[in-house]
Amino acid sequence: MTISPDGKQIVMCIYNSQRSSSSLFILDANDKKTPFKALIDDGKSCYPTW
């Protein structure tokens, strides 16, 4: 997990045990409609950086 330089977004790795894969998701504090969404859903990404 990593926090954006402005502190308003968090990128995290989520592991899916049913698919045995991981993907990156973003949590955006400014997005009231869809604050949590897939950033990279390739099943193997798990090292977020800004």
Protein backbone atom coordinates (compact mmCIF):
# COMPACT_ATOMS: atom_id res chain seq x y z
CA MET A 1 0.00 0.00 0.00
CA THR A 2 1.19 3.51 -0.73
CA ILE A 3 -0.26 6.98 -0.19
CA SER A 4 -0.14 9.66 -2.87
CA PRO A 5 2.15 12.66 -2.29
CA ASP A 6 -0.91 14.90 -1.70
CA GLY A 7 -2.41 12.38 0.75
CA LYS A 8 -5.73 12.09 -1.10
CA GLN A 9 -5.33 8.68 -2.74
CA ILE A 10 -4.19 5.25 -1.62
CA VAL A 11 -3.07 2.49 -3.97
CA MET A 12 -3.17 -1.02 -2.55
CA CYS A 13 -2.67 -4.60 -3.62
CA ILE A 14 -5.71 -6.84 -3.15
CA TYR A 15 -5.28 -10.60 -3.27
CA ASN A 16 -8.13 -12.67 -4.74
CA SER A 17 -7.92 -16.14 -3.18
CA GLN A 18 -10.54 -17.59 -5.54
CA ARG A 19 -8.42 -16.69 -8.58
CA SER A 20 -5.03 -16.92 -6.81
CA SER A 21 -4.13 -13.52 -8.22
CA SER A 22 -3.51 -9.97 -7.08
CA SER A 23 -4.33 -6.59 -8.58
CA LEU A 24 -3.93 -2.92 -7.74
CA PHE A 25 -6.87 -0.86 -6.56
CA ILE A 26 -7.09 2.86 -5.83
CA LEU A 27 -9.03 4.56 -3.06
CA ASP A 28 -9.68 8.21 -3.90
CA ALA A 29 -10.90 10.43 -1.05
CA ASN A 30 -12.10 13.08 -3.54
CA ASP A 31 -14.26 10.72 -5.63
CA LYS A 32 -17.64 10.62 -3.88
CA LYS A 33 -19.30 8.54 -6.62
CA THR A 34 -16.77 5.69 -7.02
CA PRO A 35 -14.04 6.06 -4.39
CA PHE A 36 -12.70 2.50 -4.75
CA LYS A 37 -11.86 1.06 -8.17
CA ALA A 38 -9.50 -1.29 -9.97
CA LEU A 39 -6.37 0.43 -11.24
CA ILE A 40 -4.64 -2.59 -12.76
CA ASP A 41 -6.55 -5.87 -12.84
CA ASP A 42 -3.98 -8.08 -14.54
CA GLY A 43 -3.80 -10.67 -11.76
CA LYS A 44 -0.10 -10.19 -11.03
CA SER A 45 0.55 -6.56 -10.06
CA CYS A 46 1.26 -5.97 -6.40
CA TYR A 47 3.97 -3.32 -6.00
CA PRO A 48 2.39 0.15 -5.99
CA THR A 49 4.55 3.27 -6.18
CA TRP A 50 3.92 6.89 -7.12
